[in-house]
Structures are given as C-alpha cells and as structure tokens.
C-alpha atoms as a PDB file:
ATOM      1  CA  MET A   1       0.000   0.000   0.000  1.00  0.00           C
ATOM      2  CA  THR A   2       2.833   2.351   0.903  1.00  0.00           C
ATOM      3  CA  LYS A   3       4.593   1.585  -2.372  1.00  0.00           C
ATOM      4  CA  GLU A   4       1.431   2.366  -4.356  1.00  0.00           C
ATOM      5  CA  ILE A   5       1.084   5.695  -2.576  1.00  0.00           C
ATOM      6  CA  GLU A   6       4.704   6.515  -3.348  1.00  0.00           C
ATOM      7  CA  GLN A   7       4.133   5.728  -7.036  1.00  0.00           C
ATOM      8  CA  ARG A   8       1.104   7.980  -7.158  1.00  0.00           C
ATOM      9  CA  LEU A   9       2.990  10.787  -5.456  1.00  0.00           C
ATOM     10  CA  GLU A  10       5.798  10.298  -7.940  1.00  0.00           C
ATOM     11  CA  ARG A  11       3.364  10.637 -10.856  1.00  0.00           C
ATOM     12  CA  ILE A  12       1.853  13.817  -9.358  1.00  0.00           C
ATOM     13  CA  HIS A  13       5.349  15.229  -8.842  1.00  0.00           C
ATOM     14  CA  HIS A  14       6.223  14.411 -12.428  1.00  0.00           C
ATOM     15  CA  GLU A  15       3.050  16.059 -13.743  1.00  0.00           C
ATOM     16  CA  LEU A  16       3.727  19.236 -11.792  1.00  0.00           C
ATOM     17  CA  SER A  17       7.478  19.514 -12.207  1.00  0.00           C
ATOM     18  CA  GLY A  18       8.102  17.848 -15.568  1.00  0.00           C
ATOM     19  CA  SER A  19      11.362  16.280 -16.618  1.00  0.00           C
ATOM     20  CA  GLU A  20      13.622  15.748 -19.591  1.00  0.00           C
ATOM     21  CA  ARG A  21      11.238  13.067 -20.833  1.00  0.00           C
ATOM     22  CA  ASP A  22       8.891  15.883 -21.961  1.00  0.00           C
ATOM     23  CA  LEU A  23      11.385  16.633 -24.714  1.00  0.00           C
ATOM     24  CA  SER A  24      11.073  13.148 -26.109  1.00  0.00           C
ATOM     25  CA  SER A  25       8.480  12.676 -28.808  1.00  0.00           C
ATOM     26  CA  ASN A  26       7.616   9.151 -27.687  1.00  0.00           C
ATOM     27  CA  SER A  27       7.065   9.711 -23.971  1.00  0.00           C
ATOM     28  CA  PRO A  28       3.850  11.168 -22.533  1.00  0.00           C
ATOM     29  CA  ARG A  29       3.923  14.872 -21.734  1.00  0.00           C
ATOM     30  CA  SER A  30       3.515  16.200 -18.215  1.00  0.00           C
ATOM     31  CA  LEU A  31       0.880  18.696 -17.108  1.00  0.00           C
ATOM     32  CA  LYS A  32       3.575  21.325 -16.600  1.00  0.00           C
ATOM     33  CA  TYR A  33       4.631  20.906 -20.245  1.00  0.00           C
ATOM     34  CA  TYR A  34       1.109  21.640 -21.477  1.00  0.00           C
ATOM     35  CA  VAL A  35       0.743  24.590 -19.100  1.00  0.00           C
ATOM     36  CA  ARG A  36       4.027  26.037 -20.363  1.00  0.00           C
ATOM     37  CA  ASP A  37       2.915  25.465 -23.959  1.00  0.00           C
ATOM     38  CA  ILE A  38      -0.373  27.275 -23.319  1.00  0.00           C
ATOM     39  CA  GLN A  39       1.490  30.129 -21.634  1.00  0.00           C
ATOM     40  CA  ARG A  40       3.935  30.383 -24.536  1.00  0.00           C
ATOM     41  CA  ARG A  41       1.188  30.416 -27.154  1.00  0.00           C
ATOM     42  CA  LEU A  42      -0.845  32.945 -25.167  1.00  0.00           C
ATOM     43  CA  SER A  43       2.192  35.209 -24.817  1.00  0.00           C
ATOM     44  CA  GLU A  44       2.843  35.005 -28.549  1.00  0.00           C
ATOM     45  CA  TRP A  45      -0.800  35.850 -29.276  1.00  0.00           C
ATOM     46  CA  LEU A  46      -0.745  38.827 -26.905  1.00  0.00           C
ATOM     47  CA  ILE A  47       2.460  40.137 -28.467  1.00  0.00           C
ATOM     48  CA  GLU A  48       0.997  39.748 -31.960  1.00  0.00           C
ATOM     49  CA  HIS A  49      -2.262  41.375 -30.869  1.00  0.00           C
ATOM     50  CA  ARG A  50      -0.397  44.361 -29.396  1.00  0.00           C
ATOM     51  CA  HIS A  51       1.670  44.576 -32.562  1.00  0.00           C
ATOM     52  CA  GLN A  52      -1.478  44.644 -34.713  1.00  0.00           C
ATOM     53  CA  GLN A  53      -3.063  47.310 -32.504  1.00  0.00           C
ATOM     54  CA  GLU A  54       0.068  49.428 -32.667  1.00  0.00           C
ATOM     55  CA  LYS A  55       0.219  49.009 -36.443  1.00  0.00           C
ATOM     56  CA  GLN A  56      -3.428  50.067 -36.810  1.00  0.00           C
ATOM     57  CA  ARG A  57      -2.806  53.064 -34.561  1.00  0.00           C
ATOM     58  CA  GLN A  58       0.223  54.114 -36.593  1.00  0.00           C
ATOM     59  CA  ASP A  59      -1.638  53.644 -39.891  1.00  0.00           C
ATOM     60  CA  LEU A  60      -4.534  55.754 -38.601  1.00  0.00           C
ATOM     61  CA  LEU A  61      -2.131  58.414 -37.362  1.00  0.00           C
ATOM     62  CA  ARG A  62      -0.405  58.558 -40.764  1.00  0.00           C
ATOM     63  CA  ALA A  63      -3.747  58.810 -42.553  1.00  0.00           C
ATOM     64  CA  MET A  64      -4.831  61.637 -40.229  1.00  0.00           C
ATOM     65  CA  VAL A  65      -1.551  63.471 -40.813  1.00  0.00           C
ATOM     66  CA  VAL A  66      -1.936  63.155 -44.594  1.00  0.00           C
ATOM     67  CA  ILE A  67      -5.562  64.343 -44.504  1.00  0.00           C
ATOM     68  CA  GLY A  68      -4.758  67.213 -42.156  1.00  0.00           C
ATOM     69  CA  VAL A  69      -1.730  68.421 -44.125  1.00  0.00           C
ATOM     70  CA  ILE A  70      -3.578  68.273 -47.451  1.00  0.00           C
ATOM     71  CA  GLY A  71      -6.577  70.114 -45.973  1.00  0.00           C
ATOM     72  CA  VAL A  72      -4.404  72.886 -44.538  1.00  0.00           C
ATOM     73  CA  LEU A  73      -2.402  73.195 -47.780  1.00  0.00           C
ATOM     74  CA  LEU A  74      -5.588  73.481 -49.850  1.00  0.00           C
ATOM     75  CA  ALA A  75      -6.825  76.199 -47.523  1.00  0.00           C
ATOM     76  CA  ILE A  76      -3.520  78.056 -47.806  1.00  0.00           C
ATOM     77  CA  VAL A  77      -3.562  77.805 -51.613  1.00  0.00           C
ATOM     78  CA  ARG A  78      -7.100  79.189 -51.594  1.00  0.00           C
ATOM     79  CA  SER A  79      -6.204  82.035 -49.259  1.00  0.00           C
ATOM     80  CA  ALA A  80      -2.950  83.075 -50.892  1.00  0.00           C
ATOM     81  CA  ALA A  81      -3.030  85.434 -53.827  1.00  0.00           C
ATOM     82  CA  SER A  82      -2.109  83.458 -56.920  1.00  0.00           C
ATOM     83  CA  ASP A  83      -1.258  84.540 -60.427  1.00  0.00           C
ATOM     84  CA  MET A  84      -2.284  81.171 -61.853  1.00  0.00           C
ATOM     85  CA  GLU A  85      -5.577  81.431 -63.674  1.00  0.00           C
ATOM     86  CA  TRP A  86      -6.395  77.765 -63.013  1.00  0.00           C
ATOM     87  CA  VAL A  87      -5.968  78.311 -59.269  1.00  0.00           C
ATOM     88  CA  ARG A  88      -8.174  81.404 -59.335  1.00  0.00           C
ATOM     89  CA  GLU A  89     -10.887  79.511 -61.210  1.00  0.00           C
ATOM     90  CA  HIS A  90     -10.929  76.701 -58.651  1.00  0.00           C
ATOM     91  CA  THR A  91     -10.536  78.668 -55.442  1.00  0.00           C
ATOM     92  CA  LEU A  92     -13.958  77.590 -54.189  1.00  0.00           C
ATOM     93  CA  ALA A  93     -13.155  73.929 -54.863  1.00  0.00           C
ATOM     94  CA  PHE A  94      -9.899  74.306 -52.934  1.00  0.00           C
ATOM     95  CA  ARG A  95     -11.725  75.854 -50.007  1.00  0.00           C
ATOM     96  CA  LEU A  96     -14.464  73.219 -49.901  1.00  0.00           C
ATOM     97  CA  TRP A  97     -12.027  70.317 -50.209  1.00  0.00           C
ATOM     98  CA  GLY A  98      -9.739  71.835 -47.604  1.00  0.00           C
ATOM     99  CA  VAL A  99     -12.527  72.403 -45.100  1.00  0.00           C
ATOM    100  CA  SER A 100     -14.002  68.949 -45.806  1.00  0.00           C
ATOM    101  CA  LEU A 101     -10.687  67.196 -45.144  1.00  0.00           C
ATOM    102  CA  CYS A 102     -10.198  69.231 -41.991  1.00  0.00           C
ATOM    103  CA  LEU A 103     -13.689  68.245 -40.818  1.00  0.00           C
ATOM    104  CA  ILE A 104     -12.853  64.569 -41.390  1.00  0.00           C
ATOM    105  CA  PHE A 105      -9.657  65.057 -39.371  1.00  0.00           C
ATOM    106  CA  VAL A 106     -11.537  66.650 -36.472  1.00  0.00           C
ATOM    107  CA  GLY A 107     -14.268  64.015 -36.587  1.00  0.00           C
ATOM    108  CA  VAL A 108     -11.773  61.146 -36.334  1.00  0.00           C
ATOM    109  CA  LEU A 109      -9.844  62.996 -33.623  1.00  0.00           C
ATOM    110  CA  VAL A 110     -13.001  63.453 -31.521  1.00  0.00           C
ATOM    111  CA  GLU A 111     -14.176  59.882 -32.090  1.00  0.00           C
ATOM    112  CA  ARG A 112     -10.841  58.527 -30.815  1.00  0.00           C
ATOM    113  CA  THR A 113     -11.119  60.311 -27.464  1.00  0.00           C
ATOM    114  CA  SER A 114     -11.865  58.185 -24.421  1.00  0.00           C
ATOM    115  CA  VAL A 115     -14.781  60.430 -23.422  1.00  0.00           C
ATOM    116  CA  VAL A 116     -16.643  59.851 -26.694  1.00  0.00           C
ATOM    117  CA  LYS A 117     -15.859  56.124 -26.674  1.00  0.00           C
ATOM    118  CA  SER A 118     -17.127  55.786 -23.108  1.00  0.00           C
ATOM    119  CA  LEU A 119     -20.331  57.725 -23.714  1.00  0.00           C
ATOM    120  CA  TRP A 120     -21.048  55.955 -27.013  1.00  0.00           C
ATOM    121  CA  SER A 121     -21.028  52.575 -25.276  1.00  0.00           C
ATOM    122  CA  PHE A 122     -24.276  53.459 -23.471  1.00  0.00           C
ATOM    123  CA  ALA A 123     -27.618  52.991 -25.218  1.00  0.00           C
ATOM    124  CA  VAL A 124     -29.049  56.166 -23.673  1.00  0.00           C
ATOM    125  CA  THR A 125     -26.407  58.238 -25.500  1.00  0.00           C
ATOM    126  CA  LYS A 126     -27.386  56.765 -28.865  1.00  0.00           C
ATOM    127  CA  LEU A 127     -31.087  57.231 -28.088  1.00  0.00           C
ATOM    128  CA  LEU A 128     -30.724  60.884 -27.095  1.00  0.00           C
ATOM    129  CA  LEU A 129     -28.499  61.621 -30.094  1.00  0.00           C
ATOM    130  CA  SER A 130     -31.031  60.001 -32.427  1.00  0.00           C
ATOM    131  CA  LEU A 131     -33.835  62.087 -30.926  1.00  0.00           C
ATOM    132  CA  ILE A 132     -31.792  65.292 -31.223  1.00  0.00           C
ATOM    133  CA  LEU A 133     -30.878  64.629 -34.843  1.00  0.00           C
ATOM    134  CA  SER A 134     -34.470  63.679 -35.704  1.00  0.00           C
ATOM    135  CA  GLY A 135     -35.754  66.873 -34.118  1.00  0.00           C
ATOM    136  CA  ALA A 136     -33.133  68.925 -35.947  1.00  0.00           C
ATOM    137  CA  LEU A 137     -34.097  67.262 -39.237  1.00  0.00           C
ATOM    138  CA  PHE A 138     -37.812  67.998 -38.771  1.00  0.00           C
ATOM    139  CA  TYR A 139     -37.014  71.570 -37.774  1.00  0.00           C
ATOM    140  CA  ALA A 140     -34.754  71.998 -40.817  1.00  0.00           C
ATOM    141  CA  ARG A 141     -37.463  70.663 -43.122  1.00  0.00           C
ATOM    142  CA  GLY A 142     -39.996  73.101 -41.694  1.00  0.00           C
ATOM    143  CA  ARG A 143     -37.623  76.018 -42.108  1.00  0.00           C
ATOM    144  CA  ALA A 144     -36.797  74.907 -45.644  1.00  0.00           C
ATOM    145  CA  ALA A 145     -40.497  74.714 -46.539  1.00  0.00           C
ATOM    146  CA  GLY A 146     -40.934  78.217 -45.135  1.00  0.00           C
ATOM    147  CA  HIS A 147     -38.073  79.581 -47.230  1.00  0.00           C
ATOM    148  CA  ILE A 148     -39.492  77.978 -50.396  1.00  0.00           C
ATOM    149  CA  ASN A 149     -42.960  79.314 -49.699  1.00  0.00           C
ATOM    150  CA  GLY A 150     -41.520  82.744 -49.023  1.00  0.00           C
ATOM    151  CA  VAL A 151     -39.811  82.829 -52.425  1.00  0.00           C
ATOM    152  CA  PHE A 152     -42.398  81.176 -54.700  1.00  0.00           C
ATOM    153  CA  HIS A 153     -45.636  81.453 -52.646  1.00  0.00           C
ATOM    154  CA  VAL A 154     -46.575  77.838 -53.346  1.00  0.00           C
ATOM    155  CA  ASP A 155     -46.505  74.667 -51.304  1.00  0.00           C
ATOM    156  CA  ALA A 156     -42.953  73.385 -50.914  1.00  0.00           C
ATOM    157  CA  SER A 157     -43.943  69.911 -52.124  1.00  0.00           C
ATOM    158  CA  ALA A 158     -44.255  71.365 -55.634  1.00  0.00           C
ATOM    159  CA  LEU A 159     -40.465  71.686 -55.698  1.00  0.00           C
ATOM    160  CA  PRO A 160     -39.268  68.376 -54.191  1.00  0.00           C
ATOM    161  CA  ILE A 161     -35.585  68.600 -55.135  1.00  0.00           C
ATOM    162  CA  THR A 162     -35.343  72.151 -53.827  1.00  0.00           C
ATOM    163  CA  LEU A 163     -37.036  71.063 -50.599  1.00  0.00           C
ATOM    164  CA  VAL A 164     -34.535  68.249 -50.012  1.00  0.00           C
ATOM    165  CA  LEU A 165     -31.445  70.337 -50.757  1.00  0.00           C
ATOM    166  CA  THR A 166     -32.688  73.330 -48.775  1.00  0.00           C
ATOM    167  CA  THR A 167     -33.380  71.030 -45.826  1.00  0.00           C
ATOM    168  CA  GLY A 168     -29.772  69.863 -46.007  1.00  0.00           C
ATOM    169  CA  LEU A 169     -28.611  73.468 -46.220  1.00  0.00           C
ATOM    170  CA  VAL A 170     -30.576  74.506 -43.136  1.00  0.00           C
ATOM    171  CA  LEU A 171     -29.442  71.400 -41.242  1.00  0.00           C
ATOM    172  CA  PHE A 172     -25.837  72.205 -42.105  1.00  0.00           C
ATOM    173  CA  LYS A 173     -26.375  75.726 -40.801  1.00  0.00           C
ATOM    174  CA  LEU A 174     -27.662  74.308 -37.514  1.00  0.00           C
ATOM    175  CA  LEU A 175     -24.583  72.095 -37.144  1.00  0.00           C
ATOM    176  CA  VAL A 176     -22.029  74.822 -37.931  1.00  0.00           C
ATOM    177  CA  PRO A 177     -21.985  76.367 -34.395  1.00  0.00           C
ATOM    178  CA  PHE A 178     -21.501  72.906 -32.854  1.00  0.00           C
ATOM    179  CA  VAL A 179     -18.580  72.147 -35.200  1.00  0.00           C
ATOM    180  CA  LEU A 180     -17.021  75.553 -34.546  1.00  0.00           C
ATOM    181  CA  SER A 181     -17.262  74.984 -30.785  1.00  0.00           C
ATOM    182  CA  ILE A 182     -15.423  71.665 -31.075  1.00  0.00           C
ATOM    183  CA  ALA A 183     -12.769  73.236 -33.315  1.00  0.00           C
ATOM    184  CA  ALA A 184     -12.286  76.093 -30.842  1.00  0.00           C
ATOM    185  CA  LEU A 185     -11.901  73.625 -27.951  1.00  0.00           C
ATOM    186  CA  ILE A 186      -9.331  71.570 -29.893  1.00  0.00           C
ATOM    187  CA  LEU A 187      -7.410  74.720 -30.802  1.00  0.00           C
ATOM    188  CA  ALA A 188      -7.341  75.923 -27.175  1.00  0.00           C
ATOM    189  CA  LEU A 189      -6.206  72.558 -25.779  1.00  0.00           C
ATOM    190  CA  HIS A 190      -3.386  72.063 -28.287  1.00  0.00           C
ATOM    191  CA  ILE A 191      -2.186  75.658 -28.033  1.00  0.00           C
ATOM    192  CA  LEU A 192      -2.029  75.163 -24.254  1.00  0.00           C
ATOM    193  CA  PHE A 193      -0.006  71.968 -24.747  1.00  0.00           C
ATOM    194  CA  ILE A 194       2.373  73.679 -27.182  1.00  0.00           C
ATOM    195  CA  SER A 195       2.757  76.580 -24.757  1.00  0.00           C
ATOM    196  CA  ASN A 196       3.669  74.195 -21.937  1.00  0.00           C
ATOM    197  CA  TRP A 197       6.253  72.512 -24.189  1.00  0.00           C
ATOM    198  CA  VAL A 198       7.795  75.863 -25.095  1.00  0.00           C
ATOM    199  CA  LYS A 199       8.005  76.804 -21.408  1.00  0.00           C
ATOM    200  CA  GLY A 200       9.662  73.476 -20.626  1.00  0.00           C
ATOM    201  CA  LYS A 201       6.761  72.099 -18.598  1.00  0.00           C
ATOM    202  CA  ALA A 202       6.289  69.243 -21.082  1.00  0.00           C
ATOM    203  CA  THR A 203       9.091  66.929 -22.147  1.00  0.00           C
ATOM    204  CA  GLY A 204       9.687  65.155 -25.429  1.00  0.00           C
ATOM    205  CA  ASP A 205      10.205  66.114 -29.060  1.00  0.00           C
ATOM    206  CA  VAL A 206       8.501  68.957 -30.887  1.00  0.00           C
ATOM    207  CA  PRO A 207       4.701  68.318 -30.679  1.00  0.00           C
ATOM    208  CA  TRP A 208       4.161  68.340 -34.421  1.00  0.00           C
ATOM    209  CA  PHE A 209       0.808  66.592 -34.131  1.00  0.00           C
ATOM    210  CA  SER A 210      -0.462  69.313 -31.803  1.00  0.00           C
ATOM    211  CA  VAL A 211       0.768  71.901 -34.306  1.00  0.00           C
ATOM    212  CA  LEU A 212      -1.168  70.117 -37.050  1.00  0.00           C
ATOM    213  CA  CYS A 213      -4.305  69.886 -34.886  1.00  0.00           C
ATOM    214  CA  SER A 214      -4.080  73.610 -34.184  1.00  0.00           C
ATOM    215  CA  ALA A 215      -3.694  74.391 -37.887  1.00  0.00           C
ATOM    216  CA  VAL A 216      -6.668  72.197 -38.838  1.00  0.00           C
ATOM    217  CA  ALA A 217      -8.870  73.730 -36.158  1.00  0.00           C
ATOM    218  CA  GLY A 218      -7.765  77.186 -37.281  1.00  0.00           C
ATOM    219  CA  VAL A 219      -8.800  76.432 -40.873  1.00  0.00           C
ATOM    220  CA  ILE A 220     -12.280  75.357 -39.760  1.00  0.00           C
ATOM    221  CA  LEU A 221     -12.691  78.432 -37.563  1.00  0.00           C
ATOM    222  CA  PHE A 222     -11.344  80.803 -40.222  1.00  0.00           C
ATOM    223  CA  PHE A 223     -13.589  79.646 -43.040  1.00  0.00           C
ATOM    224  CA  GLY A 224     -16.594  78.507 -41.008  1.00  0.00           C
ATOM    225  CA  TRP A 225     -16.948  81.616 -38.883  1.00  0.00           C
ATOM    226  CA  SER A 226     -18.400  83.746 -41.699  1.00  0.00           C
ATOM    227  CA  TRP A 227     -20.828  81.146 -43.079  1.00  0.00           C
ATOM    228  CA  PRO A 228     -23.741  81.626 -40.633  1.00  0.00           C
ATOM    229  CA  SER A 229     -23.611  85.408 -41.064  1.00  0.00           C
ATOM    230  CA  ASP A 230     -22.821  85.533 -44.788  1.00  0.00           C
ATOM    231  CA  GLN A 231     -23.431  82.661 -47.213  1.00  0.00           C
ATOM    232  CA  LEU A 232     -25.875  80.879 -44.883  1.00  0.00           C
ATOM    233  CA  SER A 233     -27.601  83.899 -43.377  1.00  0.00           C
ATOM    234  CA  ASP A 234     -31.396  84.124 -43.436  1.00  0.00           C
ATOM    235  CA  THR A 235     -31.159  86.877 -46.041  1.00  0.00           C
ATOM    236  CA  ARG A 236     -28.981  84.769 -48.360  1.00  0.00           C
ATOM    237  CA  ILE A 237     -30.838  81.446 -48.130  1.00  0.00           C
ATOM    238  CA  PRO A 238     -33.707  82.675 -50.376  1.00  0.00           C
ATOM    239  CA  GLU A 239     -31.077  83.293 -53.054  1.00  0.00           C
ATOM    240  CA  LYS A 240     -29.876  79.704 -52.718  1.00  0.00           C
ATOM    241  CA  VAL A 241     -33.470  78.468 -52.860  1.00  0.00           C
ATOM    242  CA  TYR A 242     -34.133  80.421 -56.038  1.00  0.00           C
ATOM    243  CA  LEU A 243     -30.972  79.151 -57.742  1.00  0.00           C
ATOM    244  CA  ILE A 244     -31.607  75.521 -56.752  1.00  0.00           C
ATOM    245  CA  ALA A 245     -35.187  75.664 -58.020  1.00  0.00           C
ATOM    246  CA  GLN A 246     -34.222  77.298 -61.291  1.00  0.00           C
ATOM    247  CA  ALA A 247     -31.546  74.674 -61.930  1.00  0.00           C
ATOM    248  CA  LEU A 248     -33.338  71.519 -60.771  1.00  0.00           C
ATOM    249  CA  ASP A 249     -37.114  71.962 -60.436  1.00  0.00           C
ATOM    250  CA  PHE A 250     -38.190  74.483 -63.065  1.00  0.00           C
ATOM    251  CA  ASN A 251     -38.893  73.116 -66.541  1.00  0.00           C
ATOM    252  CA  GLN A 252     -37.125  75.109 -69.204  1.00  0.00           C
ATOM    253  CA  ARG A 253     -39.427  73.677 -71.884  1.00  0.00           C
ATOM    254  CA  HIS A 254     -43.153  73.130 -71.676  1.00  0.00           C
ATOM    255  CA  GLU A 255     -46.266  72.579 -73.808  1.00  0.00           C
ATOM    256  CA  CYS A 256     -48.443  75.356 -72.376  1.00  0.00           C
ATOM    257  CA  ALA A 257     -49.784  77.381 -75.307  1.00  0.00           C
ATOM    258  CA  ASN A 258     -50.757  80.357 -73.140  1.00  0.00           C
ATOM    259  CA  VAL A 259     -47.315  80.711 -71.531  1.00  0.00           C
ATOM    260  CA  ASP A 260     -44.260  82.263 -73.118  1.00  0.00           C
ATOM    261  CA  PRO A 261     -41.951  79.379 -74.103  1.00  0.00           C
ATOM    262  CA  GLU A 262     -38.952  81.377 -72.850  1.00  0.00           C
ATOM    263  CA  ARG A 263     -40.332  81.430 -69.306  1.00  0.00           C
ATOM    264  CA  PRO A 264     -39.593  78.358 -67.135  1.00  0.00           C
ATOM    265  CA  VAL A 265     -42.508  76.739 -65.315  1.00  0.00           C
ATOM    266  CA  VAL A 266     -43.182  74.311 -62.483  1.00  0.00           C
ATOM    267  CA  PHE A 267     -46.250  72.110 -62.866  1.00  0.00           C
ATOM    268  CA  LEU A 268     -48.532  72.186 -59.843  1.00  0.00           C
ATOM    269  CA  GLY A 269     -50.790  69.429 -58.601  1.00  0.00           C
ATOM    270  CA  ALA A 270     -51.146  65.815 -59.624  1.00  0.00           C
ATOM    271  CA  GLY A 271     -53.117  66.699 -62.756  1.00  0.00           C
ATOM    272  CA  GLN A 272     -50.568  69.317 -63.849  1.00  0.00           C
ATOM    273  CA  GLU A 273     -53.373  71.634 -64.938  1.00  0.00           C
ATOM    274  CA  SER A 274     -51.734  74.759 -63.557  1.00  0.00           C
ATOM    275  CA  VAL A 275     -48.172  76.013 -63.561  1.00  0.00           C
ATOM    276  CA  LEU A 276     -45.979  78.408 -61.619  1.00  0.00           C
ATOM    277  CA  VAL A 277     -44.371  80.711 -64.168  1.00  0.00           C
ATOM    278  CA  ALA A 278     -41.001  82.378 -63.569  1.00  0.00           C
ATOM    279  CA  PRO A 279     -40.608  85.957 -64.810  1.00  0.00           C
ATOM    280  CA  TYR A 280     -37.578  85.119 -66.956  1.00  0.00           C
ATOM    281  CA  ARG A 281     -35.108  82.390 -67.792  1.00  0.00           C
ATOM    282  CA  LEU A 282     -31.998  82.453 -65.649  1.00  0.00           C
ATOM    283  CA  GLU A 283     -28.634  82.187 -67.327  1.00  0.00           C
ATOM    284  CA  ASP A 284     -26.508  79.144 -66.649  1.00  0.00           C
ATOM    285  CA  PHE A 285     -24.435  79.450 -63.497  1.00  0.00           C
ATOM    286  CA  ASP A 286     -21.738  77.409 -61.807  1.00  0.00           C
ATOM    287  CA  PHE A 287     -21.293  76.323 -58.211  1.00  0.00           C
ATOM    288  CA  ALA A 288     -19.131  79.338 -57.393  1.00  0.00           C
ATOM    289  CA  THR A 289     -22.021  81.624 -58.346  1.00  0.00           C
ATOM    290  CA  PHE A 290     -24.375  79.572 -56.189  1.00  0.00           C
ATOM    291  CA  PHE A 291     -22.104  79.686 -53.156  1.00  0.00           C
ATOM    292  CA  GLU A 292     -20.585  83.152 -53.252  1.00  0.00           C
ATOM    293  CA  SER A 293     -22.328  85.542 -55.656  1.00  0.00           C
ATOM    294  CA  ARG A 294     -25.367  87.593 -54.731  1.00  0.00           C
ATOM    295  CA  VAL A 295     -28.495  87.137 -56.817  1.00  0.00           C
ATOM    296  CA  ILE A 296     -31.628  89.274 -57.039  1.00  0.00           C
ATOM    297  CA  VAL A 297     -34.622  87.074 -56.285  1.00  0.00           C
ATOM    298  CA  PRO A 298     -37.602  88.122 -58.443  1.00  0.00           C
ATOM    299  CA  THR A 299     -41.074  88.382 -56.969  1.00  0.00           C
ATOM    300  CA  ALA A 300     -43.182  88.265 -60.132  1.00  0.00           C
ATOM    301  CA  PHE A 301     -43.936  84.534 -59.994  1.00  0.00           C
ATOM    302  CA  VAL A 302     -47.465  83.937 -61.271  1.00  0.00           C
ATOM    303  CA  ARG A 303     -49.739  80.919 -61.238  1.00  0.00           C
ATOM    304  CA  GLU A 304     -51.610  80.223 -64.457  1.00  0.00           C
ATOM    305  CA  LYS A 305     -53.769  77.493 -65.880  1.00  0.00           C
ATOM    306  CA  CYS A 306     -51.866  75.497 -68.474  1.00  0.00           C
ATOM    307  CA  GLU A 307     -53.631  75.246 -71.818  1.00  0.00           C
ATOM    308  CA  TYR A 308     -51.834  72.462 -73.575  1.00  0.00           C
ATOM    309  CA  LYS A 309     -51.016  72.798 -77.241  1.00  0.00           C
ATOM    310  CA  PRO A 310     -53.243  70.636 -79.463  1.00  0.00           C
ATOM    311  CA  LEU A 311     -51.696  67.491 -80.837  1.00  0.00           C
ATOM    312  CA  LEU A 312     -50.679  67.715 -84.478  1.00  0.00           C
ATOM    313  CA  PRO A 313     -52.628  65.369 -86.761  1.00  0.00           C
ATOM    314  CA  LEU A 314     -50.736  62.382 -88.035  1.00  0.00           C
ATOM    315  CA  LYS A 315     -49.735  62.661 -91.645  1.00  0.00           C
ATOM    316  CA  SER A 316     -50.927  60.036 -93.994  1.00  0.00           C
ATOM    317  CA  LEU A 317     -48.306  57.411 -94.554  1.00  0.00           C
ATOM    318  CA  GLY A 318     -49.428  56.955 -98.148  1.00  0.00           C
ATOM    319  CA  SER A 319     -49.725  53.748-100.040  1.00  0.00           C
ATOM    320  CA  TYR A 320     -46.828  51.576-100.941  1.00  0.00           C
END
C-alpha cells in the first residue's frame, strides 16, 4: 500500500514539475509541459495582438496626418493670392475640399477620445443623439419649406428637389456652431499643450501633431466663422433656394400654349393643370455663383392654368 502511494505521489510530482522526458516525442507529456505550452502560445498571441493594434494606430495616425496636411495646404492655396488662372478659377473647390478634409480630421480625432468612446457605449447616448438629430431634421425641413414658400408662394412639395437640398442646407447651418465649438476647444487645448512645451513644462520632441491639430482647427474656424452670417444667413438662403429651383425643379421647356416658351414653369398638382411661371429664364451658373455671388430674387412669380397645345394630326403614310 505504501509503495502504491509513493508511485502515485511520484506521478503527481512528475506532472507538476516535468522532466527531460517531456522533450522526447515518444514519452507522454507532463501537465507542466502543457501549461508552459499554453502560456507560450498565449504570450505570442498577446504580443501579436499588441503589434497589430500598434500598427493600426500608426496607420490611422499617418492617414490623419496626410488628410490634415492636405486640408491645410488646400486652404492656404485658396487664401494666398495666386497669379495662376487655373488656381483662381478653382478657389472655391480648394476651399471646400480643404474644409471637408479638416472636418474629417476633427471628426476622427473626436471619435478617438476616451470620453466619446465611453459615452457611445451606453444605449441612452445613442437614443438621445437620435432624438436630437431627428428633431433637428424635422425643424430643418420646416424652415426649408418656409423659405421655399416665401420665395415662390406655393406649397414646398411642388419643388421636391429644392425642398430636399434646402433642408440639407438649413441642417448644415444648424450644425455649424456645434462644429465651430469643437474646433475652438481643440485649438485651445493644443495651443495650451504647445505653450507648456515651449516653457519646458512638457518633455519630449517637438509636438508636431499638436501643431497640425491647431492648424486644422484654425482652418475650420477661419472659413466657417463667416458662413452663418454671410453665405448661410437668413437673407442669403432665399437666393440659394431660387438658384436651386431654377436649376433643378423648373422646366425650361413646356407645352403650355398660353405661356411664353422662354419662361420656365413648375407644374402644380397631380393633374398638372396649372403652372408656376417664372418671370424670366436664368442664365446658366456654376457652383461658385451659387455659393458666393449675390443674386436678385424676383417676386413676379405667377400661377396660371396650363392650356396644352393641341396634338398635331398624323400625316398620312401613303400607299406603298
């Protein structure tokens, strides 16, 4: 009995301590061997996982740097006086692309913060944000319908494309102050960090990323500050509404015999028996005119009953 107990204790000791027999392919492995193998594989997986996370972080950082630098450069090219005619013709495109890239940069920067990640993990945050955005969308649609009615004095549903685009325009105007606030906060925080580094309170290399963040936030503040009071002001939105409707909703050709063929019309109602007649045909315009130039919005829009032209009789095909 004592010998059997000793053998069992010997097996337990072997399982826990292992021996050189674990290295042999023919002998059975001990428990310690398998535990060490699991530990080794787990360590390798953790190292690989950290390596992948670090690689993704570096790739994202490089992409953000590229987007930020290109956005700032486009804004500088737009702002600087240039003798190149091609640059002058595409200044608005440079500005829009520059601001758009800077907005993407700021959006990714905010989304990476621990505060946003923590709040977004709760369902109540997503619910409240959905309600806020839904309310803003309904409010923007109501304001857009009011602007359309104020210009053309008809129901906004008669100009569906104009209604959709004007809703987006009003919604963008509502979001501009929020975006500017975030950009101002980012600018203040990174300027404070750069100031501490200059004073020697922060160690390390030159904070180039903070410099880039400050430049990107400055671009958004510089170009976005004038939008609510200039291009997107309540006095300028009717001009945008008029231009959108003329380009996308008004019919430049029609079959109403009692309406001047040179005057664009919008058909009203499901039966299309009446039309809204514009006072004159607007010349072709580009996006720069839509965004920056001032336009006189006419008021002489009239509603008339459309008397369709009679169909021409079919000519006789003749006999073969």
